[in-house]
Protein backbone atom coordinates (compact mmCIF):
# COMPACT_ATOMS: atom_id res chain seq x y z
CA UNK A 1 -12.19 -30.02 -1.85
CA UNK A 2 -10.90 -29.01 -5.03
CA UNK A 3 -8.46 -32.04 -5.15
CA UNK A 4 -11.24 -34.34 -4.28
CA UNK A 5 -13.59 -33.37 -6.68
CA UNK A 6 -11.32 -33.36 -9.51
CA UNK A 7 -10.58 -36.91 -8.38
CA UNK A 8 -13.69 -37.82 -8.39
CA UNK A 9 -14.08 -36.64 -12.08
CA UNK A 10 -11.19 -38.54 -12.85
CA UNK A 11 -9.84 -34.96 -13.85
CA UNK A 12 -7.22 -34.40 -11.25
CA UNK A 13 -4.38 -34.73 -14.13
CA UNK A 14 -6.01 -32.06 -16.23
CA UNK A 15 -6.64 -29.82 -13.66
CA UNK A 16 -2.66 -29.90 -12.50
CA UNK A 17 -1.92 -29.72 -15.84
CA UNK A 18 -4.14 -26.58 -16.39
CA UNK A 19 -2.61 -25.15 -13.14
CA UNK A 20 0.98 -25.18 -14.73
CA UNK A 21 0.29 -24.34 -18.12
CA UNK A 22 0.67 -20.14 -17.60
CA UNK A 23 3.89 -21.29 -15.84
CA UNK A 24 5.58 -23.03 -19.07
CA UNK A 25 3.88 -20.95 -21.82
CA UNK A 26 3.00 -17.72 -21.04
CA UNK A 27 5.71 -17.42 -18.57
CA UNK A 28 8.30 -18.85 -21.03
CA UNK A 29 6.90 -16.51 -23.76
CA UNK A 30 6.48 -13.12 -21.58
CA UNK A 31 9.66 -13.23 -19.81
CA UNK A 32 11.03 -9.42 -19.46
CA UNK A 33 13.29 -7.57 -17.06
CA UNK A 34 12.16 -6.22 -14.20
CA UNK A 35 10.19 -3.21 -14.57
CA UNK A 36 10.15 -3.42 -18.79
CA UNK A 37 8.64 -0.55 -20.16
CA UNK A 38 7.60 -2.02 -23.35
CA UNK A 39 8.96 1.02 -25.20
CA UNK A 40 10.70 1.08 -28.77
CA UNK A 41 13.68 2.43 -29.90
CA UNK A 42 11.74 5.52 -31.81
CA UNK A 43 9.85 6.12 -28.55
CA UNK A 44 12.77 6.43 -26.04
CA UNK A 45 14.22 8.79 -28.76
CA UNK A 46 10.71 11.04 -28.74
CA UNK A 47 10.93 10.72 -24.97
CA UNK A 48 14.15 11.43 -24.11
CA UNK A 49 16.04 12.47 -27.26
CA UNK A 50 14.73 15.00 -28.94
CA UNK A 51 13.43 18.49 -28.38
CA UNK A 52 14.06 21.12 -26.28
CA UNK A 53 15.88 20.29 -22.94
CA UNK A 54 13.38 21.93 -20.51
CA UNK A 55 10.60 19.88 -22.67
CA UNK A 56 12.47 16.46 -22.07
CA UNK A 57 12.86 17.64 -18.15
CA UNK A 58 9.30 17.24 -17.94
CA UNK A 59 9.03 14.80 -20.02
CA UNK A 60 11.15 12.94 -17.69
CA UNK A 61 9.16 13.96 -14.68
CA UNK A 62 5.90 12.81 -16.36
CA UNK A 63 6.80 9.49 -16.79
CA UNK A 64 9.15 9.32 -13.94
CA UNK A 65 6.38 7.42 -11.66
CA UNK A 66 6.81 4.18 -14.09
CA UNK A 67 10.07 3.88 -13.10
CA UNK A 68 9.07 4.38 -9.38
CA UNK A 69 5.99 1.53 -9.64
CA UNK A 70 7.92 -1.22 -9.75
CA UNK A 71 10.38 0.33 -6.76
CA UNK A 72 7.32 0.13 -4.02
CA UNK A 73 6.78 -3.54 -3.98
CA UNK A 74 11.16 -4.17 -3.55
CA UNK A 75 10.35 -1.55 -0.48
CA UNK A 76 7.61 -3.78 0.76
CA UNK A 77 9.94 -7.06 0.61
CA UNK A 78 12.55 -4.59 2.94
CA UNK A 79 9.70 -3.82 5.18
CA UNK A 80 8.55 -7.15 5.85
CA UNK A 81 12.09 -8.05 6.62
CA UNK A 82 12.93 -5.42 8.83
CA UNK A 83 8.89 -5.51 10.84
CA UNK A 84 9.56 -9.62 11.48
CA UNK A 85 12.56 -8.79 13.32
CA UNK A 86 10.83 -6.00 15.13
CA UNK A 87 7.79 -8.68 15.78
CA UNK A 88 10.87 -11.12 17.01
CA UNK A 89 12.53 -8.98 19.40
CA UNK A 90 9.68 -7.28 20.57
CA UNK A 91 10.81 -3.92 19.92
CA UNK A 92 7.59 -2.30 18.80
CA UNK A 93 3.72 -2.85 19.76
CA UNK A 94 2.76 -6.25 18.83
CA UNK A 95 -0.61 -4.36 16.64
CA UNK A 96 1.86 -2.38 14.49
CA UNK A 97 4.12 -5.14 14.11
CA UNK A 98 1.48 -7.60 13.02
CA UNK A 99 -0.45 -4.85 10.59
CA UNK A 100 2.80 -4.27 8.97
CA UNK A 101 3.91 -8.21 8.60
CA UNK A 102 0.64 -9.12 7.02
CA UNK A 103 0.12 -6.04 4.84
CA UNK A 104 4.07 -6.57 3.47
CA UNK A 105 3.89 -10.47 3.32
CA UNK A 106 0.52 -9.55 0.98
CA UNK A 107 2.61 -7.14 -1.29
CA UNK A 108 5.42 -9.66 -1.72
CA UNK A 109 3.21 -12.49 -2.33
CA UNK A 110 1.40 -10.22 -5.28
CA UNK A 111 5.40 -9.18 -6.21
CA UNK A 112 5.57 -13.06 -6.80
CA UNK A 113 3.08 -13.57 -8.63
CA UNK A 114 4.09 -10.70 -11.60
CA UNK A 115 7.77 -11.77 -11.48
CA UNK A 116 7.02 -15.28 -12.29
CA UNK A 117 4.29 -14.12 -15.02
CA UNK A 118 5.77 -10.83 -16.78
CA UNK A 119 7.22 -7.98 -14.48
CA UNK A 120 6.97 -5.30 -16.84
CA UNK A 121 4.93 -1.91 -15.97
CA UNK A 122 1.68 -2.80 -17.49
CA UNK A 123 1.40 -5.63 -14.73
CA UNK A 124 2.44 -3.96 -12.05
CA UNK A 125 0.20 -0.99 -12.86
CA UNK A 126 -2.68 -4.00 -12.33
CA UNK A 127 -1.67 -4.35 -9.13
CA UNK A 128 -0.68 -0.47 -8.37
CA UNK A 129 -3.68 0.30 -6.35
CA UNK A 130 -2.44 -2.10 -3.55
CA UNK A 131 1.26 -1.55 -4.05
CA UNK A 132 0.22 1.84 -3.40
CA UNK A 133 0.00 1.45 0.21
CA UNK A 134 3.94 1.61 0.36
CA UNK A 135 3.85 4.72 -0.92
CA UNK A 136 0.91 5.97 1.41
CA UNK A 137 3.41 4.84 4.01
CA UNK A 138 6.77 6.69 3.07
CA UNK A 139 4.44 9.74 2.49
CA UNK A 140 3.69 9.55 5.59
CA UNK A 141 7.19 8.84 7.54
CA UNK A 142 5.85 8.25 10.86
CA UNK A 143 7.28 4.20 11.43
CA UNK A 144 10.07 4.69 9.08
CA UNK A 145 13.20 5.31 11.20
CA UNK A 146 16.39 7.67 10.52
CA UNK A 147 17.49 11.48 10.77
CA UNK A 148 18.66 11.80 6.86
CA UNK A 149 14.84 10.40 5.90
CA UNK A 150 12.81 12.50 7.69
CA UNK A 151 14.90 15.56 6.57
CA UNK A 152 14.32 14.63 2.46
CA UNK A 153 11.00 13.90 3.04
CA UNK A 154 9.42 16.85 2.47
CA UNK A 155 11.27 17.33 -0.89
CA UNK A 156 10.28 13.63 -1.64
CA UNK A 157 6.96 14.26 -0.93
CA UNK A 158 6.49 17.42 -3.22
CA UNK A 159 7.76 15.47 -6.32
CA UNK A 160 6.11 12.61 -5.76
CA UNK A 161 2.83 14.97 -5.78
CA UNK A 162 4.46 16.88 -8.71
CA UNK A 163 5.36 13.77 -10.92
CA UNK A 164 2.12 11.74 -10.73
CA UNK A 165 -0.21 15.20 -11.02
CA UNK A 166 2.12 15.21 -14.24
CA UNK A 167 1.17 11.87 -15.43
CA UNK A 168 -2.13 11.89 -14.23
CA UNK A 169 -2.49 15.17 -16.98
CA UNK A 170 -0.66 13.85 -20.02
CA UNK A 171 -3.15 10.35 -19.78
CA UNK A 172 -6.24 12.66 -18.87
CA UNK A 173 -5.59 14.99 -22.07
CA UNK A 174 -5.08 12.68 -24.50
CA UNK A 175 -8.27 10.46 -23.65
CA UNK A 176 -10.05 13.90 -23.21
CA UNK A 177 -8.95 15.32 -26.55
CA UNK A 178 -8.73 12.37 -28.55
CA UNK A 179 -9.62 14.33 -32.30
CA UNK A 180 -11.03 11.07 -34.55
CA UNK A 181 -14.58 9.80 -33.32
CA UNK A 182 -15.62 6.12 -34.68
CA UNK A 183 -19.14 4.76 -33.98
CA UNK A 184 -19.27 1.20 -32.88
CA UNK A 185 -21.69 -1.29 -32.62
CA UNK A 186 -21.11 -0.69 -29.09
CA UNK A 187 -21.46 2.72 -29.28
CA UNK A 188 -19.36 5.89 -29.58
CA UNK A 189 -15.39 5.48 -28.81
CA UNK A 190 -13.23 8.34 -28.97
CA UNK A 191 -9.85 7.70 -30.43
CA UNK A 192 -6.00 9.26 -31.09
CA UNK A 193 -6.05 8.21 -34.91
CA UNK A 194 -8.18 7.60 -37.85
CA UNK A 195 -9.62 3.78 -37.26
CA UNK A 196 -10.80 2.06 -40.92
CA UNK A 197 -10.79 -1.31 -39.32
CA UNK A 198 -14.06 -0.80 -37.93
CA UNK A 199 -15.68 1.31 -40.45
CA UNK A 200 -14.78 -1.20 -43.12
CA UNK A 201 -15.53 -4.42 -41.25
CA UNK A 202 -18.99 -3.14 -39.89
CA UNK A 203 -19.82 -2.34 -43.57
CA UNK A 204 -18.79 -5.84 -45.15
CA UNK A 205 -19.58 -8.25 -41.89
CA UNK A 206 -22.96 -9.19 -40.37
CA UNK A 207 -23.97 -8.26 -37.28
CA UNK A 208 -22.80 -11.12 -35.00
CA UNK A 209 -20.76 -13.09 -37.71
CA UNK A 210 -17.53 -15.04 -37.05
CA UNK A 211 -14.67 -13.77 -38.63
CA UNK A 212 -10.81 -14.75 -37.71
CA UNK A 213 -9.24 -11.76 -36.17
CA UNK A 214 -5.61 -13.06 -36.49
CA UNK A 215 -3.53 -12.81 -34.61
CA UNK A 216 -3.42 -10.87 -31.63
CA UNK A 217 -6.03 -8.00 -31.23
CA UNK A 218 -9.69 -9.24 -30.29
CA UNK A 219 -10.95 -5.64 -29.12
CA UNK A 220 -11.96 -5.74 -32.67
CA UNK A 221 -14.41 -8.99 -31.91
CA UNK A 222 -15.79 -6.60 -29.55
CA UNK A 223 -16.45 -3.29 -30.99
CA UNK A 224 -17.45 -4.77 -34.30
CA UNK A 225 -20.10 -7.46 -32.31
CA UNK A 226 -18.84 -10.07 -33.98
CA UNK A 227 -17.42 -13.54 -32.81
CA UNK A 228 -13.64 -15.90 -32.79
CA UNK A 229 -14.83 -18.79 -34.68
CA UNK A 230 -12.19 -20.68 -32.46
CA UNK A 231 -12.05 -20.73 -28.85
CA UNK A 232 -9.20 -18.34 -28.24
CA UNK A 233 -9.55 -14.77 -28.22
CA UNK A 234 -5.88 -14.05 -29.87
CA UNK A 235 -2.33 -16.16 -31.08
CA UNK A 236 0.59 -15.49 -29.42
CA UNK A 237 3.49 -16.77 -30.93
CA UNK A 238 5.85 -18.46 -28.71
CA UNK A 239 3.34 -18.65 -25.82
CA UNK A 240 0.30 -21.06 -27.97
CA UNK A 241 1.95 -24.41 -29.11
CA UNK A 242 1.94 -25.96 -32.58
CA UNK A 243 -0.99 -28.28 -31.52
CA UNK A 244 -3.32 -24.86 -30.75
CA UNK A 245 -2.37 -23.29 -34.21
CA UNK A 246 -3.44 -26.80 -35.98
CA UNK A 247 -6.26 -26.75 -34.15
CA UNK A 248 -7.24 -22.89 -35.08
CA UNK A 249 -6.37 -23.75 -38.84
CA UNK A 250 -8.97 -26.82 -37.68
CA UNK A 251 -11.71 -24.80 -36.83
CA UNK A 252 -11.39 -22.44 -39.67
CA UNK A 253 -11.31 -24.83 -41.84
CA UNK A 254 -14.48 -26.56 -40.69
CA UNK A 255 -16.69 -23.76 -40.25
CA UNK A 256 -15.74 -22.02 -43.63
CA UNK A 257 -15.34 -18.83 -42.40
CA UNK A 258 -15.75 -16.29 -44.86
CA UNK A 259 -13.59 -12.96 -43.78
CA UNK A 260 -10.06 -12.80 -41.64
CA UNK A 261 -8.50 -9.65 -40.42
CA UNK A 262 -4.90 -10.38 -40.79
CA UNK A 263 -2.38 -8.62 -39.07
CA UNK A 264 0.35 -8.23 -41.34
CA UNK A 265 2.44 -5.60 -39.11
CA UNK A 266 2.49 -7.46 -36.14
CA UNK A 267 5.68 -9.51 -36.05
CA UNK A 268 7.20 -5.53 -35.72
CA UNK A 269 5.73 -5.66 -32.24
CA UNK A 270 7.47 -8.62 -31.26
CA UNK A 271 10.90 -7.27 -30.75
CA UNK A 272 9.04 -4.54 -28.16
CA UNK A 273 6.54 -6.53 -26.64
CA UNK A 274 7.75 -10.27 -26.50
CA UNK A 275 11.38 -10.12 -26.61
CA UNK A 276 12.54 -13.51 -25.19
CA UNK A 277 9.93 -14.94 -28.21
CA UNK A 278 11.57 -18.08 -29.99
CA UNK A 279 12.98 -17.36 -33.67
CA UNK A 280 11.80 -20.51 -34.74
CA UNK A 281 7.89 -19.61 -33.32
CA UNK A 282 7.97 -16.36 -35.29
CA UNK A 283 9.26 -18.55 -38.98
CA UNK A 284 6.60 -21.28 -38.15
CA UNK A 285 3.44 -19.92 -38.05
CA UNK A 286 0.98 -22.72 -39.63
CA UNK A 287 -2.25 -20.59 -39.10
CA UNK A 288 -0.38 -17.38 -41.12
CA UNK A 289 0.31 -20.28 -44.32
CA UNK A 290 -3.34 -21.46 -43.97
CA UNK A 291 -4.83 -17.74 -44.68
CA UNK A 292 -2.62 -16.99 -47.26
CA UNK A 293 -3.17 -19.92 -49.09
CA UNK A 294 -7.00 -19.75 -48.40
CA UNK A 295 -7.99 -16.61 -48.07
CA UNK A 296 -7.26 -13.39 -50.96
CA UNK A 297 -6.47 -9.52 -49.44
CA UNK A 298 -8.97 -7.33 -50.22
CA UNK A 299 -8.47 -4.48 -48.55
CA UNK A 300 -5.47 -2.30 -47.02
CA UNK A 301 -7.04 -0.85 -43.36
CA UNK A 302 -5.24 0.73 -40.48
CA UNK A 303 -5.74 1.02 -36.96
CA UNK A 304 -5.48 4.68 -34.62
CA UNK A 305 -1.69 3.80 -34.36
CA UNK A 306 -0.73 2.60 -37.60
CA UNK A 307 -0.99 -0.97 -37.13
CA UNK A 308 -1.48 -2.50 -41.04
CA UNK A 309 -4.38 -4.96 -41.35
CA UNK A 310 -5.38 -6.92 -44.32
CA UNK A 311 -9.40 -7.64 -44.68
CA UNK A 312 -9.13 -11.05 -46.51
CA UNK A 313 -11.74 -13.39 -47.87
CA UNK A 314 -11.78 -17.10 -49.04
CA UNK A 315 -10.61 -17.58 -52.44
CA UNK A 316 -13.70 -18.74 -53.80
CA UNK A 317 -15.41 -15.75 -53.16
CA UNK A 318 -15.12 -12.68 -54.47
CA UNK A 319 -14.07 -8.79 -52.59
CA UNK A 320 -17.03 -7.09 -51.43
């Protein structure tokens, strides 16, 4: 029905191009090793290379679930093969076999969707509630054969409880003990560090005004209740095309956007967050070139994680 509808609208080729665009662009720019953690060298040193040995051991236990979660869908693939053989050989109850084959096949398909797009821990966490079914079956253990497994299962269950509890407590304490509060146009937000971006933008940009946040932090649009002048929420080098960058420049220029929030430290994130980004995509940035040619820097601002932003206005205007 979908093919027929778009065919009657003479848009089937456009529909197919949109279907495959993420595979050609998003996946190419976001290719990372399986289970990638998005940790910088300094983060790895802070977690595992500094502090007392006891603290490092506790840290290792607290972060161990992020290594376990990517393993769960691989277990689902193994269970799919195991229960499919059982079904074909009629070696178990048909209803039980049908259940495991259906659930494992679904989880295997979800694993494929992650591997094709971006196989890092963030994308696994998006689907973790479903992959958690595998962990529940392992903890239950009744349908997993083997004497060795049955002997180690109590220890395995204890480790699962302890490590997931430690990770949950760490995340909970980080959110509840955030020392800073910022009054945004969307309400009060607690943050781990002082944010000068929101305060300055809300003081000098009108409610509902269009402002370009470039290249990659659209959350500031929402918190300050401002809007992008383009049809893109963000711009990612290596994913967006040269034509799209020219489109952004054209739309910003035609609307004579007054202010730009330009993250000058964005390139520092690329080696860690998007290690597969082509170097030519970083070296050639028409949007950044246009911003530097057309706008002047008025104030250096910082996010709670010390990301540096320039608040810029058009060169024919005075700084606020």
